[in-house]
Amino acid sequence: AMDDAAADENVRWGSRALTVEKQLVGDRPAGRTAGDHAIVVAAVSVTKALGLPVSLDEGSTDSNIPMNMGIPAITIDGGGRGSGAHALDEAFDSTNSFQGTQRALLIALALAQQ
């Protein structure tokens, strides 16, 4: 798609000045942990108990690797609030950032009791 767009723009402007260089910066396999798996149930229960919002979104994270291998895994946020991820204006507000560690510990304790 990028090559086609560059070619279209070059035709449009009668030029060959626009080029595209692509570099692979990440290659994570797809994976999924079932919503009824103990690790997901524990994380949802702990998150609700702490009064935090539950989010079961998909994404490209380091958890993709074990999930792709059939190993149940989840990704939880670290607390606080980030904005502008991977941009020049990326920022982090550490207010309530302790909640990330608190949640991780409580999930681990819940799983250890099973």
N, C-alpha and C. Protein backbone atom coordinates (compact mmCIF):
# COMPACT_ATOMS: atom_id res chain seq x y z
N ALA A 1 0.82 -1.19 0.00
CA ALA A 1 0.00 0.00 0.00
C ALA A 1 0.87 1.26 0.00
N MET A 2 1.95 1.26 0.78
CA MET A 2 2.81 2.44 0.82
C MET A 2 3.52 2.65 -0.51
N ASP A 3 3.98 1.55 -1.11
CA ASP A 3 4.65 1.66 -2.41
C ASP A 3 3.69 2.20 -3.46
N ASP A 4 2.45 1.70 -3.44
CA ASP A 4 1.45 2.18 -4.40
C ASP A 4 1.14 3.65 -4.19
N ALA A 5 1.03 4.08 -2.94
CA ALA A 5 0.74 5.48 -2.66
C ALA A 5 1.88 6.38 -3.13
N ALA A 6 3.12 5.95 -2.90
CA ALA A 6 4.27 6.74 -3.36
C ALA A 6 4.29 6.82 -4.88
N ALA A 7 4.02 5.70 -5.55
CA ALA A 7 3.99 5.69 -7.02
C ALA A 7 2.89 6.62 -7.53
N ASP A 8 1.73 6.58 -6.90
CA ASP A 8 0.63 7.46 -7.30
C ASP A 8 1.01 8.93 -7.16
N GLU A 9 1.64 9.28 -6.05
CA GLU A 9 2.06 10.67 -5.84
C GLU A 9 3.12 11.10 -6.85
N ASN A 10 4.04 10.20 -7.16
CA ASN A 10 5.06 10.53 -8.16
C ASN A 10 4.43 10.76 -9.52
N VAL A 11 3.44 9.95 -9.90
CA VAL A 11 2.73 10.17 -11.16
C VAL A 11 1.99 11.50 -11.11
N ARG A 12 1.34 11.75 -10.00
CA ARG A 12 0.57 12.98 -9.84
C ARG A 12 1.43 14.22 -10.03
N TRP A 13 2.67 14.19 -9.50
CA TRP A 13 3.55 15.35 -9.55
C TRP A 13 4.59 15.26 -10.66
N GLY A 14 4.53 14.22 -11.47
CA GLY A 14 5.48 14.07 -12.56
C GLY A 14 6.91 13.99 -12.06
N SER A 15 7.12 13.22 -11.03
CA SER A 15 8.42 13.15 -10.39
C SER A 15 8.72 11.72 -9.96
N ARG A 16 9.97 11.49 -9.61
CA ARG A 16 10.36 10.21 -8.99
C ARG A 16 11.03 10.49 -7.64
N ALA A 17 10.78 11.68 -7.11
CA ALA A 17 11.47 12.11 -5.89
C ALA A 17 11.00 11.38 -4.64
N LEU A 18 9.74 10.98 -4.63
CA LEU A 18 9.20 10.34 -3.44
C LEU A 18 9.54 8.85 -3.45
N THR A 19 10.20 8.40 -2.40
CA THR A 19 10.53 6.98 -2.27
C THR A 19 10.05 6.50 -0.90
N VAL A 20 9.96 5.21 -0.77
CA VAL A 20 9.53 4.60 0.48
C VAL A 20 10.58 3.61 0.92
N GLU A 21 10.98 3.70 2.18
CA GLU A 21 11.88 2.72 2.76
C GLU A 21 11.18 2.12 3.96
N LYS A 22 11.06 0.81 3.98
CA LYS A 22 10.36 0.12 5.07
C LYS A 22 11.37 -0.67 5.89
N GLN A 23 11.16 -0.64 7.20
CA GLN A 23 12.02 -1.39 8.11
C GLN A 23 11.13 -2.07 9.15
N LEU A 24 11.24 -3.38 9.26
CA LEU A 24 10.48 -4.13 10.25
C LEU A 24 11.03 -3.81 11.64
N VAL A 25 10.16 -3.33 12.52
CA VAL A 25 10.61 -3.00 13.88
C VAL A 25 9.99 -3.92 14.93
N GLY A 26 9.08 -4.75 14.53
CA GLY A 26 8.47 -5.69 15.47
C GLY A 26 7.79 -6.81 14.71
N ASP A 27 7.82 -7.99 15.27
CA ASP A 27 7.20 -9.14 14.62
C ASP A 27 6.66 -10.06 15.70
N ARG A 28 5.47 -9.73 16.18
CA ARG A 28 4.87 -10.52 17.25
C ARG A 28 3.80 -11.42 16.65
N PRO A 29 3.80 -12.69 17.02
CA PRO A 29 2.77 -13.60 16.52
C PRO A 29 1.44 -13.33 17.21
N ALA A 30 0.38 -13.75 16.58
CA ALA A 30 -0.95 -13.59 17.17
C ALA A 30 -1.17 -14.66 18.23
N GLY A 31 -2.00 -14.36 19.20
CA GLY A 31 -2.34 -15.32 20.23
C GLY A 31 -3.52 -14.82 21.03
N ARG A 32 -4.09 -15.71 21.83
CA ARG A 32 -5.27 -15.35 22.62
C ARG A 32 -5.32 -16.24 23.85
N THR A 33 -5.73 -15.65 24.96
CA THR A 33 -6.02 -16.40 26.17
C THR A 33 -7.53 -16.39 26.36
N ALA A 34 -8.11 -17.56 26.54
CA ALA A 34 -9.57 -17.67 26.68
C ALA A 34 -10.07 -16.81 27.84
N GLY A 35 -11.21 -16.18 27.63
CA GLY A 35 -11.79 -15.31 28.65
C GLY A 35 -12.17 -16.01 29.94
N ASP A 36 -12.36 -17.34 29.87
CA ASP A 36 -12.72 -18.08 31.08
C ASP A 36 -11.51 -18.75 31.73
N HIS A 37 -10.30 -18.45 31.25
CA HIS A 37 -9.10 -19.02 31.85
C HIS A 37 -8.86 -18.37 33.21
N ALA A 38 -8.29 -19.13 34.14
CA ALA A 38 -8.08 -18.65 35.52
C ALA A 38 -7.32 -17.33 35.58
N ILE A 39 -6.34 -17.14 34.72
CA ILE A 39 -5.56 -15.89 34.78
C ILE A 39 -6.41 -14.68 34.40
N VAL A 40 -7.31 -14.87 33.44
CA VAL A 40 -8.20 -13.78 33.02
C VAL A 40 -9.24 -13.53 34.10
N VAL A 41 -9.84 -14.60 34.62
CA VAL A 41 -10.85 -14.47 35.67
C VAL A 41 -10.25 -13.76 36.89
N ALA A 42 -9.05 -14.15 37.29
CA ALA A 42 -8.40 -13.52 38.44
C ALA A 42 -8.15 -12.04 38.18
N ALA A 43 -7.65 -11.72 37.00
CA ALA A 43 -7.35 -10.32 36.67
C ALA A 43 -8.61 -9.47 36.66
N VAL A 44 -9.68 -10.00 36.08
CA VAL A 44 -10.94 -9.25 36.04
C VAL A 44 -11.48 -9.06 37.46
N SER A 45 -11.46 -10.11 38.26
CA SER A 45 -11.96 -10.02 39.64
C SER A 45 -11.18 -9.00 40.46
N VAL A 46 -9.86 -9.05 40.39
CA VAL A 46 -9.02 -8.11 41.13
C VAL A 46 -9.25 -6.69 40.64
N THR A 47 -9.32 -6.51 39.34
CA THR A 47 -9.52 -5.18 38.77
C THR A 47 -10.83 -4.58 39.25
N LYS A 48 -11.90 -5.39 39.22
CA LYS A 48 -13.20 -4.91 39.71
C LYS A 48 -13.15 -4.61 41.20
N ALA A 49 -12.49 -5.47 41.98
CA ALA A 49 -12.40 -5.26 43.43
C ALA A 49 -11.68 -3.95 43.77
N LEU A 50 -10.74 -3.56 42.93
CA LEU A 50 -10.00 -2.31 43.14
C LEU A 50 -10.76 -1.10 42.59
N GLY A 51 -11.90 -1.35 41.95
CA GLY A 51 -12.69 -0.26 41.39
C GLY A 51 -12.08 0.35 40.14
N LEU A 52 -11.26 -0.43 39.44
CA LEU A 52 -10.61 0.04 38.22
C LEU A 52 -11.39 -0.46 37.00
N PRO A 53 -11.29 0.23 35.89
CA PRO A 53 -12.01 -0.21 34.69
C PRO A 53 -11.40 -1.49 34.11
N VAL A 54 -12.27 -2.41 33.70
CA VAL A 54 -11.84 -3.67 33.08
C VAL A 54 -11.78 -3.46 31.58
N SER A 55 -10.68 -3.88 30.98
CA SER A 55 -10.51 -3.79 29.53
C SER A 55 -9.93 -5.10 29.02
N LEU A 56 -10.64 -5.74 28.12
CA LEU A 56 -10.17 -6.99 27.53
C LEU A 56 -9.86 -6.79 26.05
N ASP A 57 -9.16 -5.73 25.75
CA ASP A 57 -8.80 -5.40 24.37
C ASP A 57 -7.65 -6.26 23.88
N GLU A 58 -7.58 -6.39 22.56
CA GLU A 58 -6.44 -7.06 21.94
C GLU A 58 -5.38 -6.01 21.63
N GLY A 59 -4.15 -6.48 21.49
CA GLY A 59 -3.07 -5.57 21.12
C GLY A 59 -1.80 -6.33 20.85
N SER A 60 -0.80 -5.61 20.44
CA SER A 60 0.50 -6.20 20.18
C SER A 60 1.38 -5.95 21.40
N THR A 61 1.55 -6.98 22.22
CA THR A 61 2.34 -6.87 23.44
C THR A 61 3.26 -8.08 23.55
N ASP A 62 4.13 -8.06 24.53
CA ASP A 62 5.00 -9.21 24.76
C ASP A 62 4.20 -10.46 25.13
N SER A 63 2.96 -10.30 25.58
CA SER A 63 2.12 -11.46 25.91
C SER A 63 1.76 -12.28 24.67
N ASN A 64 1.85 -11.68 23.50
CA ASN A 64 1.52 -12.41 22.28
C ASN A 64 2.40 -13.65 22.12
N ILE A 65 3.64 -13.57 22.54
CA ILE A 65 4.57 -14.69 22.32
C ILE A 65 4.14 -15.92 23.11
N PRO A 66 3.95 -15.85 24.44
CA PRO A 66 3.48 -17.05 25.13
C PRO A 66 2.09 -17.50 24.67
N MET A 67 1.19 -16.56 24.42
CA MET A 67 -0.15 -16.94 23.96
C MET A 67 -0.07 -17.73 22.66
N ASN A 68 0.80 -17.30 21.75
CA ASN A 68 0.97 -18.00 20.48
C ASN A 68 1.50 -19.41 20.69
N MET A 69 2.21 -19.61 21.78
CA MET A 69 2.77 -20.93 22.10
C MET A 69 1.81 -21.77 22.94
N GLY A 70 0.59 -21.25 23.18
CA GLY A 70 -0.39 -21.97 23.95
C GLY A 70 -0.26 -21.78 25.45
N ILE A 71 0.55 -20.82 25.86
CA ILE A 71 0.75 -20.53 27.28
C ILE A 71 -0.16 -19.35 27.65
N PRO A 72 -1.09 -19.54 28.58
CA PRO A 72 -1.99 -18.45 28.95
C PRO A 72 -1.20 -17.24 29.46
N ALA A 73 -1.58 -16.07 29.01
CA ALA A 73 -0.89 -14.84 29.40
C ALA A 73 -1.85 -13.66 29.28
N ILE A 74 -1.56 -12.62 30.05
CA ILE A 74 -2.31 -11.37 29.96
C ILE A 74 -1.33 -10.21 30.04
N THR A 75 -1.80 -9.04 29.68
CA THR A 75 -1.03 -7.81 29.87
C THR A 75 -1.89 -6.88 30.71
N ILE A 76 -1.31 -6.34 31.77
CA ILE A 76 -2.03 -5.37 32.60
C ILE A 76 -1.24 -4.07 32.57
N ASP A 77 -1.96 -2.96 32.74
CA ASP A 77 -1.23 -1.70 32.74
C ASP A 77 -0.51 -1.51 34.06
N GLY A 78 0.43 -0.61 34.06
CA GLY A 78 1.30 -0.42 35.22
C GLY A 78 0.83 0.63 36.19
N GLY A 79 -0.37 1.14 36.03
CA GLY A 79 -0.85 2.21 36.89
C GLY A 79 -0.46 3.56 36.32
N GLY A 80 -1.02 4.60 36.87
CA GLY A 80 -0.77 5.93 36.32
C GLY A 80 -1.50 6.10 35.01
N ARG A 81 -1.16 7.16 34.31
CA ARG A 81 -1.84 7.43 33.04
C ARG A 81 -0.81 7.95 32.04
N GLY A 82 -0.72 7.26 30.91
CA GLY A 82 0.19 7.68 29.86
C GLY A 82 -0.57 8.33 28.72
N SER A 83 0.13 9.12 27.95
CA SER A 83 -0.47 9.72 26.76
C SER A 83 0.61 9.92 25.70
N GLY A 84 0.19 9.97 24.45
CA GLY A 84 1.11 10.22 23.35
C GLY A 84 2.15 9.12 23.17
N ALA A 85 1.75 7.88 23.34
CA ALA A 85 2.70 6.76 23.29
C ALA A 85 3.55 6.79 22.02
N HIS A 86 4.83 6.64 22.19
CA HIS A 86 5.81 6.56 21.10
C HIS A 86 5.87 7.83 20.25
N ALA A 87 5.47 8.95 20.82
CA ALA A 87 5.52 10.23 20.11
C ALA A 87 6.45 11.18 20.86
N LEU A 88 6.81 12.27 20.21
CA LEU A 88 7.70 13.24 20.85
C LEU A 88 7.10 13.84 22.11
N ASP A 89 5.76 13.91 22.15
CA ASP A 89 5.11 14.49 23.33
C ASP A 89 4.59 13.42 24.30
N GLU A 90 5.19 12.23 24.25
CA GLU A 90 4.79 11.17 25.18
C GLU A 90 4.96 11.66 26.61
N ALA A 91 3.97 11.33 27.46
CA ALA A 91 4.00 11.81 28.84
C ALA A 91 3.44 10.73 29.77
N PHE A 92 3.76 10.84 31.05
CA PHE A 92 3.25 9.92 32.06
C PHE A 92 2.89 10.70 33.31
N ASP A 93 1.66 10.51 33.77
CA ASP A 93 1.19 11.09 35.03
C ASP A 93 1.21 9.97 36.06
N SER A 94 2.03 10.10 37.08
CA SER A 94 2.22 9.02 38.05
C SER A 94 1.15 8.98 39.15
N THR A 95 0.14 9.83 39.06
CA THR A 95 -0.93 9.80 40.05
C THR A 95 -1.54 8.40 40.09
N ASN A 96 -1.62 7.83 41.28
CA ASN A 96 -2.17 6.49 41.49
C ASN A 96 -1.40 5.38 40.78
N SER A 97 -0.15 5.62 40.46
CA SER A 97 0.63 4.60 39.76
C SER A 97 0.85 3.35 40.62
N PHE A 98 0.71 3.49 41.94
CA PHE A 98 0.84 2.32 42.82
C PHE A 98 -0.19 1.24 42.49
N GLN A 99 -1.30 1.63 41.86
CA GLN A 99 -2.36 0.67 41.57
C GLN A 99 -1.91 -0.43 40.59
N GLY A 100 -0.96 -0.13 39.74
CA GLY A 100 -0.46 -1.16 38.83
C GLY A 100 0.26 -2.27 39.58
N THR A 101 1.13 -1.89 40.50
CA THR A 101 1.85 -2.87 41.32
C THR A 101 0.88 -3.61 42.23
N GLN A 102 -0.05 -2.87 42.81
CA GLN A 102 -1.06 -3.47 43.69
C GLN A 102 -1.86 -4.53 42.94
N ARG A 103 -2.30 -4.20 41.75
CA ARG A 103 -3.09 -5.14 40.96
C ARG A 103 -2.26 -6.37 40.60
N ALA A 104 -1.02 -6.18 40.17
CA ALA A 104 -0.17 -7.32 39.79
C ALA A 104 0.03 -8.27 40.98
N LEU A 105 0.28 -7.71 42.16
CA LEU A 105 0.48 -8.54 43.35
C LEU A 105 -0.79 -9.31 43.70
N LEU A 106 -1.93 -8.63 43.66
CA LEU A 106 -3.19 -9.30 44.00
C LEU A 106 -3.55 -10.39 42.99
N ILE A 107 -3.26 -10.17 41.73
CA ILE A 107 -3.51 -11.21 40.72
C ILE A 107 -2.63 -12.42 41.01
N ALA A 108 -1.36 -12.17 41.30
CA ALA A 108 -0.44 -13.28 41.61
C ALA A 108 -0.91 -14.05 42.84
N LEU A 109 -1.36 -13.34 43.88
CA LEU A 109 -1.86 -14.00 45.09
C LEU A 109 -3.12 -14.81 44.80
N ALA A 110 -4.01 -14.26 44.00
CA ALA A 110 -5.24 -14.98 43.64
C ALA A 110 -4.91 -16.26 42.89
N LEU A 111 -3.96 -16.19 41.98
CA LEU A 111 -3.58 -17.39 41.21
C LEU A 111 -2.84 -18.40 42.08
N ALA A 112 -2.06 -17.93 43.04
CA ALA A 112 -1.31 -18.84 43.91
C ALA A 112 -2.23 -19.64 44.82
N GLN A 113 -3.41 -19.12 45.09
CA GLN A 113 -4.36 -19.81 45.96
C GLN A 113 -5.15 -20.88 45.22
N GLN A 114 -4.98 -20.99 43.93
CA GLN A 114 -5.76 -21.98 43.16
C GLN A 114 -5.08 -23.32 43.13
